[in-house]
Amino acid sequence: MAENGFRNPLLFDNSFVATLPGDPESAIMPRQVLGACYSRVVPTPVSAPETVACSLDLALMLGLTQEDCESDLFTEVFSGNRLLPGMEPYASCYGGHQFGRWAGQLGDGRAINLGELVKGDGQRWVLQLKGAGPTPYSRGADGLAVLRSSLREFLCSEAMFHLGVPTTRALSLIKSGEDVMRDMFYDGNAAPEPGAIVCRVAPSFTRFGSFEIFTSRQDFSLLKQLLDYTIRTDFPHLPDSPGAEMSGKEPSVALYLRWFEEVCRTTAELMVHWMRVGFVHGVMNTDNMSVLGLTIDYGPYGWLEGYDPGWTPNTTDAESRRYRFGNQPQIAMWNLTRLAEAIYPLINDEAPLQQALDLYAASYEQGWWKMMAAKLGFNSFTANSDEGLIEELLEILVLVETDMTIFFRRLGDISAAAEPGQTAEQRIAPLLHACYLPDDLDAAYHQRLAQWLDAYMARIRKDGLAEHDRRARMHAVNPKYVLRNYLAQQAIDSAQAGDYSMLHELLDLLRHPYDEQPGKERFAEKRPEWARHRAGCSMLSCSS
């Protein structure tokens, strides 16, 4: 056995704490942490940890074996009860704009980074426990998490990865064996719930708010230190000049701008992915935006079932709907603008920062049209023929409650060849299965959908693709299986009763979201009526 107890040694670099200034105080009490990027803190031990689930493919990638994942040591380490040699746990300091308002210092209030694992290929992975106890950034809270939110984050992180959406990942879900008091609906009725800890994994958890906090304090020296470190560590491929790598040189203004341009591009790509699969983050505050273009911090997220650009899963956002599905690309631009303001003291020139923001807008628009063309099976996007066709489809989808995932999946199964004698009703019948309220489908709707389908099929025939090639192309970008809100809630209900079978079944199912998976069709069905307004199946609060 390796020195750290696992079959293969886990080697930790911990360059973040070795390079950047830390909090000189050791007290865990909530406080303003000045002049530091992090505070050293250790997880709070728990009484009876139990490993509920592990992402085996992620574990293998990190160098752990299946035997390791089934060991008591794994449970002890990833519940926070034991540190491996080389781990240097800490909580990060950052700020953020929340719901459009500057919130000041936020930080890792219930997340503790165990250490920075470095693989033989040089790839760095930060191992972070969520729900492992209080830190100086907990703002009076307990720093803990409960099973329902932890299960949702664990499943969704892995589901998004296998959908091809840039994301942080989740290695493990461990019950703490202790109850945690939570007021799920913020109505004054707090109740005990089973506690849990998730181990999150990403190359970095640096956020837009990581830079905002230092600019807000006019600590431009620390702002520069953090940005220099971030570029050297997480963006080593960015050249300081054409054909030249940084190689330890002092970063230039040009390099800072290249970095910001890349953040703009990867953020645009992320938004296109979210819109492709119908994911709604629910709380796109600047402290929940990764500079690596990853989906980060799975809180009150949700999946579009009925296609509705105005839908938000977050009860806190129910009135303003700031973070609704259709507004996500615009919010990303707003957040990037806040990041531009944060690094402005290092640039001192507004024009190139605005050019980078314009790059975001152009990248998103181009990426969105390309993505929609792919969802519809076109060889490529042609504005003259395709723009109106796509816009008409989106108008049709909101006329009646239409399941986005099912509609696009079924569209790929319809033959583009015109069948003699087939009526309009017969042509659209496969698509009507995606509608939740069949009584709302009047003759005018049927006619409009049929006309669109005829125009769509004519467009498909122009590409001349073989049917099986078009179907395979569409099925590769239109998933059959997503983590529907009611499925996650059913898994939570079972897990809280001590039955983890559905959790494991969903974890396995969501590893292959684009495959047919015979015998699993029940997981691809429309949301049942009982789940329409049930807590956890429709909207959620920010409560853990």
Protein backbone atom coordinates (compact mmCIF):
# COMPACT_ATOMS: atom_id res chain seq x y z
CA MET A 1 0.00 0.00 0.00
CA ALA A 2 1.14 3.56 -0.65
CA GLU A 3 2.21 5.78 2.21
CA ASN A 4 -1.14 7.63 2.23
CA GLY A 5 -3.10 4.39 2.57
CA PHE A 6 -4.51 4.17 -0.96
CA ARG A 7 -3.18 1.72 -3.51
CA ASN A 8 -1.59 4.51 -5.57
CA PRO A 9 0.00 7.56 -3.94
CA LEU A 10 -1.96 10.79 -4.19
CA LEU A 11 0.51 13.63 -4.63
CA PHE A 12 -0.43 17.13 -3.56
CA ASP A 13 1.13 20.34 -4.82
CA ASN A 14 -0.91 23.00 -2.98
CA SER A 15 0.58 25.85 -4.98
CA PHE A 16 -2.37 28.13 -4.17
CA VAL A 17 -1.52 28.29 -0.46
CA ALA A 18 2.21 28.15 -1.17
CA THR A 19 2.14 31.08 -3.59
CA LEU A 20 -0.56 33.45 -2.38
CA PRO A 21 -0.91 35.27 0.95
CA GLY A 22 -3.10 33.63 3.57
CA ASP A 23 -5.12 34.77 6.54
CA PRO A 24 -2.79 35.31 9.53
CA GLU A 25 -5.63 34.66 11.97
CA SER A 26 -6.63 31.12 12.90
CA ALA A 27 -10.03 31.82 14.45
CA ILE A 28 -12.98 30.22 12.66
CA MET A 29 -15.43 32.90 13.79
CA PRO A 30 -17.19 34.84 10.98
CA ARG A 31 -15.13 37.95 10.16
CA GLN A 32 -13.77 40.08 7.38
CA VAL A 33 -10.55 38.53 6.08
CA LEU A 34 -8.28 41.26 4.74
CA GLY A 35 -5.10 41.00 2.69
CA ALA A 36 -5.48 37.27 2.07
CA CYS A 37 -6.71 34.91 -0.63
CA TYR A 38 -7.59 32.13 1.80
CA SER A 39 -7.87 30.99 5.39
CA ARG A 40 -6.47 27.73 6.66
CA VAL A 41 -9.23 25.62 8.16
CA VAL A 42 -9.82 21.92 8.75
CA PRO A 43 -13.07 20.02 8.21
CA THR A 44 -15.28 19.37 11.21
CA PRO A 45 -15.23 15.65 12.11
CA VAL A 46 -18.52 13.77 11.83
CA SER A 47 -19.74 10.91 13.97
CA ALA A 48 -20.84 8.14 11.61
CA PRO A 49 -19.86 8.78 7.98
CA GLU A 50 -21.25 6.44 5.35
CA THR A 51 -20.31 6.47 1.67
CA VAL A 52 -23.55 6.61 -0.28
CA ALA A 53 -22.16 6.93 -3.81
CA CYS A 54 -18.91 7.36 -5.69
CA SER A 55 -18.23 8.36 -9.30
CA LEU A 56 -15.96 5.48 -10.23
CA ASP A 57 -14.81 6.87 -13.57
CA LEU A 58 -13.73 10.10 -11.87
CA ALA A 59 -12.04 8.15 -9.08
CA LEU A 60 -10.07 6.12 -11.61
CA MET A 61 -9.04 9.29 -13.41
CA LEU A 62 -7.73 10.70 -10.14
CA GLY A 63 -5.69 7.54 -9.50
CA LEU A 64 -8.02 5.82 -7.02
CA THR A 65 -9.16 2.24 -7.50
CA GLN A 66 -12.57 0.68 -6.93
CA GLU A 67 -11.10 -1.01 -3.87
CA ASP A 68 -10.02 2.40 -2.58
CA CYS A 69 -13.54 3.77 -3.07
CA GLU A 70 -15.00 0.92 -1.03
CA SER A 71 -12.54 1.35 1.84
CA ASP A 72 -13.06 2.86 5.26
CA LEU A 73 -10.15 5.20 4.52
CA PHE A 74 -12.04 6.69 1.55
CA THR A 75 -15.03 7.38 3.77
CA GLU A 76 -12.88 8.93 6.46
CA VAL A 77 -10.95 11.17 4.07
CA PHE A 78 -13.86 12.39 1.99
CA SER A 79 -16.11 13.01 4.96
CA GLY A 80 -13.39 15.26 6.38
CA ASN A 81 -12.52 13.01 9.31
CA ARG A 82 -8.94 12.36 8.19
CA LEU A 83 -6.34 14.24 6.18
CA LEU A 84 -3.88 12.47 3.91
CA PRO A 85 -0.21 13.40 4.01
CA GLY A 86 0.32 16.43 1.81
CA MET A 87 -3.20 17.86 2.20
CA GLU A 88 -3.32 21.51 3.33
CA PRO A 89 -6.99 22.41 3.72
CA TYR A 90 -8.20 25.97 3.27
CA ALA A 91 -11.24 28.08 2.45
CA SER A 92 -11.04 30.75 -0.26
CA CYS A 93 -11.85 34.43 0.15
CA TYR A 94 -14.01 36.02 -2.54
CA GLY A 95 -16.89 38.43 -2.96
CA GLY A 96 -19.69 38.76 -5.45
CA HIS A 97 -22.73 40.44 -6.86
CA GLN A 98 -25.85 38.58 -5.74
CA PHE A 99 -29.07 39.21 -7.65
CA GLY A 100 -27.49 42.33 -9.15
CA ARG A 101 -26.25 43.88 -5.91
CA TRP A 102 -22.74 43.93 -4.47
CA ALA A 103 -22.74 41.62 -1.45
CA GLY A 104 -19.20 42.24 -0.22
CA GLN A 105 -17.14 39.39 1.19
CA LEU A 106 -18.69 35.95 0.68
CA GLY A 107 -16.05 33.21 0.47
CA ASP A 108 -16.17 29.47 1.03
CA GLY A 109 -18.74 29.41 3.79
CA ARG A 110 -19.35 25.66 3.64
CA ALA A 111 -16.63 24.49 1.27
CA ILE A 112 -13.15 23.41 2.32
CA ASN A 113 -10.42 22.65 -0.22
CA LEU A 114 -8.53 19.57 0.97
CA GLY A 115 -5.61 20.03 -1.38
CA GLU A 116 -4.43 20.30 -4.96
CA LEU A 117 -3.85 16.85 -6.42
CA VAL A 118 -1.27 16.78 -9.21
CA LYS A 119 -1.25 13.89 -11.68
CA GLY A 120 1.75 12.58 -13.56
CA ASP A 121 0.66 14.45 -16.68
CA GLY A 122 0.80 17.71 -14.77
CA GLN A 123 -2.96 18.13 -14.59
CA ARG A 124 -4.05 19.74 -11.34
CA TRP A 125 -7.28 18.78 -9.52
CA VAL A 126 -8.56 20.59 -6.47
CA LEU A 127 -10.46 18.31 -4.07
CA GLN A 128 -13.11 20.30 -2.23
CA LEU A 129 -15.57 19.17 0.44
CA LYS A 130 -18.94 20.91 0.53
CA GLY A 131 -20.76 20.71 3.84
CA ALA A 132 -17.66 20.00 5.92
CA GLY A 133 -18.18 22.61 8.61
CA PRO A 134 -17.78 26.34 9.33
CA THR A 135 -15.07 28.64 8.05
CA PRO A 136 -14.40 32.35 8.65
CA TYR A 137 -16.66 32.97 5.63
CA SER A 138 -19.72 31.14 7.00
CA ARG A 139 -21.41 34.42 8.05
CA GLY A 140 -22.94 32.85 11.14
CA ALA A 141 -24.11 29.67 9.40
CA ASP A 142 -23.04 26.15 10.32
CA GLY A 143 -21.11 25.32 7.14
CA LEU A 144 -22.99 22.06 6.75
CA ALA A 145 -25.14 20.59 3.98
CA VAL A 146 -28.04 18.16 3.90
CA LEU A 147 -28.61 14.99 1.94
CA ARG A 148 -31.23 16.36 -0.45
CA SER A 149 -29.08 19.21 -1.81
CA SER A 150 -25.91 17.13 -1.72
CA LEU A 151 -27.52 14.32 -3.70
CA ARG A 152 -28.77 16.82 -6.28
CA GLU A 153 -25.30 18.34 -6.67
CA PHE A 154 -23.60 14.95 -6.87
CA LEU A 155 -25.95 13.62 -9.56
CA CYS A 156 -26.13 16.82 -11.59
CA SER A 157 -22.37 17.37 -11.66
CA GLU A 158 -21.86 13.94 -13.16
CA ALA A 159 -24.91 14.21 -15.45
CA MET A 160 -23.62 17.48 -16.89
CA PHE A 161 -20.16 16.04 -17.48
CA HIS A 162 -21.54 13.13 -19.48
CA LEU A 163 -23.79 15.50 -21.43
CA GLY A 164 -20.60 17.22 -22.58
CA VAL A 165 -21.27 20.41 -20.60
CA PRO A 166 -18.19 22.00 -18.96
CA THR A 167 -18.58 21.46 -15.23
CA THR A 168 -17.02 20.78 -11.90
CA ARG A 169 -17.41 17.13 -11.00
CA ALA A 170 -18.38 15.16 -7.92
CA LEU A 171 -16.28 12.30 -6.60
CA SER A 172 -18.34 11.17 -3.62
CA LEU A 173 -21.52 11.59 -1.62
CA ILE A 174 -21.14 10.73 2.05
CA LYS A 175 -23.76 10.88 4.79
CA SER A 176 -22.43 12.42 7.97
CA GLY A 177 -24.56 10.39 10.35
CA GLU A 178 -25.75 13.62 11.96
CA ASP A 179 -28.87 15.73 11.54
CA VAL A 180 -28.71 19.30 10.29
CA MET A 181 -31.43 21.87 10.97
CA ARG A 182 -32.78 23.54 7.83
CA ASP A 183 -35.71 25.81 7.03
CA MET A 184 -36.37 24.49 3.54
CA PHE A 185 -39.08 27.02 2.64
CA TYR A 186 -37.80 29.97 4.71
CA ASP A 187 -41.14 30.00 6.51
CA GLY A 188 -39.88 29.65 10.09
CA ASN A 189 -40.41 25.88 10.21
CA ALA A 190 -36.89 24.54 10.48
CA ALA A 191 -36.60 20.77 10.81
CA PRO A 192 -33.77 18.24 11.18
CA GLU A 193 -32.55 16.59 7.99
CA PRO A 194 -29.78 14.03 7.40
CA GLY A 195 -26.44 15.73 6.80
CA ALA A 196 -24.12 14.92 3.91
CA ILE A 197 -20.82 15.96 2.33
CA VAL A 198 -19.94 16.06 -1.38
CA CYS A 199 -16.38 16.00 -2.65
CA ARG A 200 -16.25 18.36 -5.62
CA VAL A 201 -13.41 18.22 -8.14
CA ALA A 202 -12.16 20.85 -10.58
CA PRO A 203 -8.85 22.18 -11.89
CA SER A 204 -9.69 25.38 -10.01
CA PHE A 205 -12.60 26.90 -8.12
CA THR A 206 -11.55 30.50 -8.86
CA ARG A 207 -14.58 32.70 -9.52
CA PHE A 208 -15.33 36.11 -10.95
CA GLY A 209 -15.87 37.21 -7.36
CA SER A 210 -12.34 36.12 -6.44
CA PHE A 211 -11.09 39.23 -8.26
CA GLU A 212 -14.01 41.50 -7.39
CA ILE A 213 -13.30 41.34 -3.66
CA PHE A 214 -9.80 42.82 -3.95
CA THR A 215 -10.81 45.59 -6.34
CA SER A 216 -13.68 46.52 -4.04
CA ARG A 217 -11.11 46.91 -1.25
CA GLN A 218 -8.66 48.72 -3.55
CA ASP A 219 -6.13 46.00 -2.79
CA PHE A 220 -4.67 46.13 -6.28
CA SER A 221 -1.44 44.41 -5.26
CA LEU A 222 -3.32 41.30 -4.18
CA LEU A 223 -5.54 41.55 -7.24
CA LYS A 224 -2.42 41.38 -9.42
CA GLN A 225 -0.93 38.52 -7.42
CA LEU A 226 -4.09 36.45 -7.83
CA LEU A 227 -4.44 37.14 -11.55
CA ASP A 228 -0.76 36.40 -12.19
CA TYR A 229 -1.07 33.13 -10.29
CA THR A 230 -4.30 32.20 -12.08
CA ILE A 231 -2.75 32.73 -15.51
CA ARG A 232 0.44 30.86 -14.69
CA THR A 233 -1.39 27.94 -13.09
CA ASP A 234 -4.69 27.57 -14.93
CA PHE A 235 -3.91 29.24 -18.28
CA PRO A 236 -0.28 28.24 -19.01
CA HIS A 237 -1.08 27.95 -22.73
CA LEU A 238 -1.65 31.70 -23.09
CA PRO A 239 1.38 33.29 -24.77
CA ASP A 240 2.59 36.67 -23.59
CA SER A 241 3.49 37.49 -27.17
CA PRO A 242 3.00 35.62 -30.45
CA GLY A 243 5.06 32.44 -30.36
CA ALA A 244 6.39 32.97 -26.82
CA GLU A 245 5.29 31.38 -23.56
CA MET A 246 5.36 33.22 -20.25
CA SER A 247 8.19 31.15 -18.76
CA GLY A 248 7.96 32.97 -15.46
CA LYS A 249 8.09 36.46 -16.94
CA GLU A 250 6.16 39.31 -15.40
CA PRO A 251 2.74 39.24 -17.10
CA SER A 252 1.94 42.09 -19.44
CA VAL A 253 -1.27 44.03 -19.97
CA ALA A 254 -1.59 42.22 -23.30
CA LEU A 255 -1.56 38.89 -21.48
CA TYR A 256 -4.24 40.05 -19.03
CA LEU A 257 -6.41 40.97 -22.00
CA ARG A 258 -5.81 37.60 -23.68
CA TRP A 259 -6.86 35.97 -20.44
CA PHE A 260 -10.05 38.00 -20.25
CA GLU A 261 -10.82 37.26 -23.89
CA GLU A 262 -10.51 33.54 -23.17
CA VAL A 263 -12.79 33.82 -20.15
CA CYS A 264 -15.32 35.57 -22.39
CA ARG A 265 -15.07 32.85 -25.06
CA THR A 266 -15.37 29.92 -22.66
CA THR A 267 -18.27 31.58 -20.83
CA ALA A 268 -20.06 31.98 -24.17
CA GLU A 269 -19.48 28.31 -24.93
CA LEU A 270 -20.87 27.37 -21.52
CA MET A 271 -24.04 29.39 -22.07
CA VAL A 272 -24.58 27.71 -25.44
CA HIS A 273 -24.33 24.31 -23.75
CA TRP A 274 -26.81 25.28 -21.03
CA MET A 275 -29.28 26.44 -23.67
CA ARG A 276 -28.72 23.28 -25.71
CA VAL A 277 -29.73 20.89 -22.96
CA GLY A 278 -32.30 23.09 -21.19
CA PHE A 279 -30.34 23.61 -17.97
CA VAL A 280 -31.22 26.55 -15.69
CA HIS A 281 -28.57 27.38 -13.10
CA GLY A 282 -30.95 29.37 -10.93
CA VAL A 283 -28.42 31.55 -9.10
CA MET A 284 -25.93 33.10 -11.54
CA ASN A 285 -24.31 35.42 -9.03
CA THR A 286 -20.75 36.48 -9.85
CA ASP A 287 -19.46 34.31 -7.02
CA ASN A 288 -20.99 31.33 -8.83
CA MET A 289 -19.20 31.98 -12.14
CA SER A 290 -15.98 30.07 -12.86
CA VAL A 291 -13.12 31.76 -14.73
CA LEU A 292 -12.55 28.38 -16.39
CA GLY A 293 -15.98 28.42 -18.01
CA LEU A 294 -17.27 25.57 -15.85
CA THR A 295 -20.72 25.07 -14.38
CA ILE A 296 -20.11 25.63 -10.69
CA ASP A 297 -22.16 25.63 -7.48
CA TYR A 298 -25.26 23.52 -8.09
CA GLY A 299 -27.91 25.05 -5.87
CA PRO A 300 -31.54 25.62 -6.89
CA TYR A 301 -30.94 24.51 -10.48
CA GLY A 302 -33.55 22.89 -12.70
CA TRP A 303 -34.15 21.36 -16.10
CA LEU A 304 -36.64 22.76 -18.55
CA GLU A 305 -39.49 20.35 -18.96
CA GLY A 306 -42.11 22.54 -20.56
CA TYR A 307 -40.13 24.87 -22.84
CA ASP A 308 -40.41 28.28 -21.20
CA PRO A 309 -37.71 30.97 -21.58
CA GLY A 310 -39.20 32.71 -18.52
CA TRP A 311 -38.86 29.77 -16.12
CA THR A 312 -36.61 29.90 -13.06
CA PRO A 313 -36.19 27.06 -10.54
CA ASN A 314 -35.24 29.43 -7.71
CA THR A 315 -37.97 30.53 -5.30
CA THR A 316 -35.80 33.48 -4.27
CA ASP A 317 -35.90 34.62 -7.89
CA ALA A 318 -39.61 33.93 -8.41
CA GLU A 319 -40.64 37.58 -8.59
CA SER A 320 -37.91 39.21 -10.69
CA ARG A 321 -36.93 36.06 -12.64
CA ARG A 322 -33.49 37.54 -13.13
CA TYR A 323 -31.96 34.09 -13.62
CA ARG A 324 -34.67 32.63 -15.85
CA PHE A 325 -33.68 30.25 -18.64
CA GLY A 326 -33.90 32.74 -21.49
CA ASN A 327 -31.96 35.42 -19.61
CA GLN A 328 -28.87 33.34 -18.82
CA PRO A 329 -26.77 34.57 -21.78
CA GLN A 330 -27.50 38.20 -20.88
CA ILE A 331 -26.66 37.59 -17.22
CA ALA A 332 -23.36 36.03 -18.24
CA MET A 333 -22.56 39.25 -20.12
CA TRP A 334 -23.53 41.31 -17.06
CA ASN A 335 -21.27 39.16 -14.88
CA LEU A 336 -18.38 39.42 -17.35
CA THR A 337 -18.78 43.19 -17.25
CA ARG A 338 -18.35 43.05 -13.47
CA LEU A 339 -15.19 40.97 -13.98
CA ALA A 340 -13.93 43.54 -16.50
CA GLU A 341 -14.47 46.25 -13.91
CA ALA A 342 -12.58 44.17 -11.36
CA ILE A 343 -9.44 43.82 -13.51
CA TYR A 344 -9.63 47.33 -14.95
CA PRO A 345 -7.05 48.69 -12.46
CA LEU A 346 -4.51 46.36 -14.11
CA ILE A 347 -5.49 47.45 -17.62
CA ASN A 348 -6.38 51.14 -17.30
CA ASP A 349 -8.01 51.11 -20.71
CA GLU A 350 -11.71 50.52 -21.24
CA ALA A 351 -11.62 49.96 -25.01
CA PRO A 352 -9.90 46.53 -25.12
CA LEU A 353 -12.05 45.25 -22.27
CA GLN A 354 -15.14 46.31 -24.21
CA GLN A 355 -13.77 44.55 -27.28
CA ALA A 356 -13.50 41.35 -25.24
CA LEU A 357 -17.10 41.76 -24.06
CA ASP A 358 -18.13 42.27 -27.68
CA LEU A 359 -16.28 39.04 -28.43
CA TYR A 360 -18.47 37.30 -25.87
CA ALA A 361 -21.62 38.58 -27.54
CA ALA A 362 -20.44 37.59 -31.00
CA SER A 363 -19.20 34.19 -29.82
CA TYR A 364 -22.46 33.43 -28.08
CA GLU A 365 -24.63 34.46 -31.00
CA GLN A 366 -22.57 32.48 -33.49
CA GLY A 367 -22.41 29.49 -31.16
CA TRP A 368 -26.15 29.58 -30.46
CA TRP A 369 -27.15 29.50 -34.14
CA LYS A 370 -24.61 26.74 -34.81
CA MET A 371 -25.95 24.77 -31.84
CA MET A 372 -29.55 25.11 -32.96
CA ALA A 373 -28.61 23.98 -36.45
CA ALA A 374 -26.95 20.93 -34.91
CA LYS A 375 -30.04 20.17 -32.80
CA LEU A 376 -32.07 20.25 -36.01
CA GLY A 377 -29.62 18.05 -37.91
CA PHE A 378 -28.42 20.58 -40.50
CA ASN A 379 -25.02 20.24 -42.12
CA SER A 380 -24.36 23.85 -41.11
CA PHE A 381 -26.23 26.99 -40.23
CA THR A 382 -27.34 29.10 -43.20
CA ALA A 383 -28.84 32.37 -42.04
CA ASN A 384 -31.09 32.99 -45.05
CA SER A 385 -32.87 29.65 -44.83
CA ASP A 386 -32.47 28.69 -41.19
CA GLU A 387 -32.95 31.78 -39.04
CA GLY A 388 -36.67 32.12 -39.71
CA LEU A 389 -37.21 28.37 -39.40
CA ILE A 390 -35.58 28.29 -35.97
CA GLU A 391 -37.39 31.37 -34.73
CA GLU A 392 -40.74 29.95 -35.84
CA LEU A 393 -40.05 26.70 -33.99
CA LEU A 394 -39.27 28.52 -30.75
CA GLU A 395 -42.51 30.46 -31.05
CA ILE A 396 -44.42 27.21 -31.55
CA LEU A 397 -42.79 25.55 -28.54
CA VAL A 398 -44.18 28.17 -26.17
CA LEU A 399 -47.74 28.06 -27.54
CA VAL A 400 -48.51 25.01 -25.41
CA GLU A 401 -46.47 23.35 -22.68
CA THR A 402 -43.99 21.28 -24.69
CA ASP A 403 -41.26 19.08 -23.26
CA MET A 404 -38.04 20.36 -24.80
CA THR A 405 -35.99 17.18 -24.37
CA ILE A 406 -38.67 14.88 -25.77
CA PHE A 407 -39.54 17.18 -28.68
CA PHE A 408 -36.03 17.39 -30.10
CA ARG A 409 -35.34 13.71 -29.52
CA ARG A 410 -38.52 12.71 -31.36
CA LEU A 411 -37.85 15.16 -34.14
CA GLY A 412 -34.70 13.20 -34.96
CA ASP A 413 -36.73 10.02 -35.33
CA ILE A 414 -39.13 11.42 -37.94
CA SER A 415 -38.31 10.45 -41.52
CA ALA A 416 -37.51 13.34 -43.83
CA ALA A 417 -38.92 11.46 -46.79
CA ALA A 418 -42.44 12.48 -47.72
CA GLU A 419 -44.82 9.53 -47.41
CA PRO A 420 -47.62 9.46 -50.04
CA GLY A 421 -51.08 9.96 -48.59
CA GLN A 422 -49.86 10.87 -45.11
CA THR A 423 -52.06 13.50 -43.47
CA ALA A 424 -50.83 16.50 -41.53
CA GLU A 425 -52.13 14.89 -38.33
CA GLN A 426 -50.11 11.76 -39.03
CA ARG A 427 -46.96 13.77 -39.77
CA ILE A 428 -47.01 15.69 -36.49
CA ALA A 429 -48.27 12.82 -34.29
CA PRO A 430 -44.79 11.80 -33.02
CA LEU A 431 -44.16 15.36 -31.83
CA LEU A 432 -47.47 15.72 -29.99
CA HIS A 433 -46.21 13.21 -27.43
CA ALA A 434 -44.03 16.05 -26.09
CA CYS A 435 -47.07 18.19 -25.19
CA TYR A 436 -48.24 18.21 -21.57
CA LEU A 437 -51.76 19.52 -22.12
CA PRO A 438 -53.27 17.79 -25.17
CA ASP A 439 -56.62 19.56 -24.64
CA ASP A 440 -54.88 22.85 -25.49
CA LEU A 441 -53.94 21.64 -28.97
CA ASP A 442 -56.49 23.26 -31.24
CA ALA A 443 -56.71 23.09 -35.04
CA ALA A 444 -54.71 26.29 -35.48
CA TYR A 445 -51.84 24.83 -33.47
CA HIS A 446 -51.91 21.58 -35.44
CA GLN A 447 -51.83 23.49 -38.72
CA ARG A 448 -48.96 25.74 -37.65
CA LEU A 449 -46.88 22.82 -36.41
CA ALA A 450 -47.57 20.83 -39.59
CA GLN A 451 -46.55 23.76 -41.79
CA TRP A 452 -43.34 24.18 -39.82
CA LEU A 453 -42.58 20.45 -40.03
CA ASP A 454 -43.08 20.46 -43.80
CA ALA A 455 -40.71 23.41 -44.17
CA TYR A 456 -38.20 21.73 -41.84
CA MET A 457 -38.27 18.47 -43.78
CA ALA A 458 -37.78 20.33 -47.04
CA ARG A 459 -34.72 21.99 -45.50
CA ILE A 460 -33.41 18.61 -44.32
CA ARG A 461 -33.76 17.10 -47.77
CA LYS A 462 -31.60 19.87 -49.23
CA ASP A 463 -28.65 18.61 -47.19
CA GLY A 464 -29.02 15.16 -48.74
CA LEU A 465 -28.00 13.30 -45.59
CA ALA A 466 -28.92 9.64 -45.22
CA GLU A 467 -31.66 9.15 -42.63
CA HIS A 468 -29.50 7.16 -40.23
CA ASP A 469 -26.71 9.75 -40.44
CA ARG A 470 -29.07 12.63 -39.66
CA ARG A 471 -30.65 10.69 -36.81
CA ALA A 472 -27.26 9.83 -35.32
CA ARG A 473 -26.15 13.46 -35.65
CA MET A 474 -29.27 14.78 -33.90
CA HIS A 475 -29.21 12.14 -31.18
CA ALA A 476 -25.59 13.06 -30.42
CA VAL A 477 -26.61 16.57 -29.31
CA ASN A 478 -30.21 16.02 -28.16
CA PRO A 479 -30.11 13.82 -25.05
CA LYS A 480 -32.76 11.25 -24.33
CA TYR A 481 -32.09 11.36 -20.59
CA VAL A 482 -31.57 14.39 -18.37
CA LEU A 483 -31.80 14.72 -14.59
CA ARG A 484 -35.45 15.66 -14.54
CA ASN A 485 -36.41 17.48 -11.37
CA TYR A 486 -38.94 14.90 -10.25
CA LEU A 487 -36.47 12.04 -10.77
CA ALA A 488 -33.94 13.75 -8.52
CA GLN A 489 -36.63 14.25 -5.90
CA GLN A 490 -37.67 10.59 -6.05
CA ALA A 491 -34.05 9.60 -5.50
CA ILE A 492 -33.89 11.99 -2.54
CA ASP A 493 -37.08 10.55 -1.03
CA SER A 494 -35.67 7.02 -1.28
CA ALA A 495 -32.25 7.99 0.02
CA GLN A 496 -33.72 9.73 3.05
CA ALA A 497 -35.47 6.44 3.80
CA GLY A 498 -32.14 4.60 3.53
CA ASP A 499 -32.68 3.21 0.01
CA TYR A 500 -29.97 4.31 -2.44
CA SER A 501 -30.97 2.08 -5.34
CA MET A 502 -32.56 4.85 -7.42
CA LEU A 503 -29.57 7.12 -6.85
CA HIS A 504 -27.26 4.46 -8.25
CA GLU A 505 -29.63 3.67 -11.11
CA LEU A 506 -29.76 7.34 -12.10
CA LEU A 507 -25.99 7.69 -11.79
CA ASP A 508 -25.53 4.79 -14.20
CA LEU A 509 -28.28 6.00 -16.54
CA LEU A 510 -26.90 9.53 -16.80
CA ARG A 511 -23.46 8.31 -17.78
CA HIS A 512 -24.95 7.57 -21.23
CA PRO A 513 -27.55 10.31 -21.78
CA TYR A 514 -27.54 10.09 -25.58
CA ASP A 515 -27.98 6.31 -25.81
CA GLU A 516 -31.37 4.62 -26.12
CA GLN A 517 -30.78 2.27 -23.13
CA PRO A 518 -33.63 -0.24 -23.68
CA GLY A 519 -35.60 -0.88 -20.52
CA LYS A 520 -34.90 2.60 -19.14
CA GLU A 521 -37.53 4.47 -21.17
CA ARG A 522 -39.51 5.38 -18.04
CA PHE A 523 -36.75 7.85 -17.17
CA ALA A 524 -37.33 9.70 -20.46
CA GLU A 525 -41.04 10.36 -19.88
CA LYS A 526 -42.72 13.70 -19.30
CA ARG A 527 -42.98 15.05 -15.78
CA PRO A 528 -46.00 13.46 -14.08
CA GLU A 529 -48.84 15.76 -13.08
CA TRP A 530 -48.29 15.12 -9.35
CA ALA A 531 -44.84 16.73 -9.67
CA ARG A 532 -46.06 19.96 -11.25
CA HIS A 533 -46.10 21.98 -8.02
CA ARG A 534 -44.41 19.66 -5.52
CA ALA A 535 -41.41 21.06 -3.66
CA GLY A 536 -38.18 19.79 -5.19
CA CYS A 537 -39.90 18.96 -8.48
CA SER A 538 -40.75 22.47 -9.64
CA MET A 539 -38.95 25.24 -7.72
CA LEU A 540 -36.36 25.15 -4.96
CA SER A 541 -34.98 27.56 -2.41
CA CYS A 542 -31.33 28.44 -1.86
CA SER A 543 -31.51 26.47 1.39
CA SER A 544 -29.12 23.58 1.57
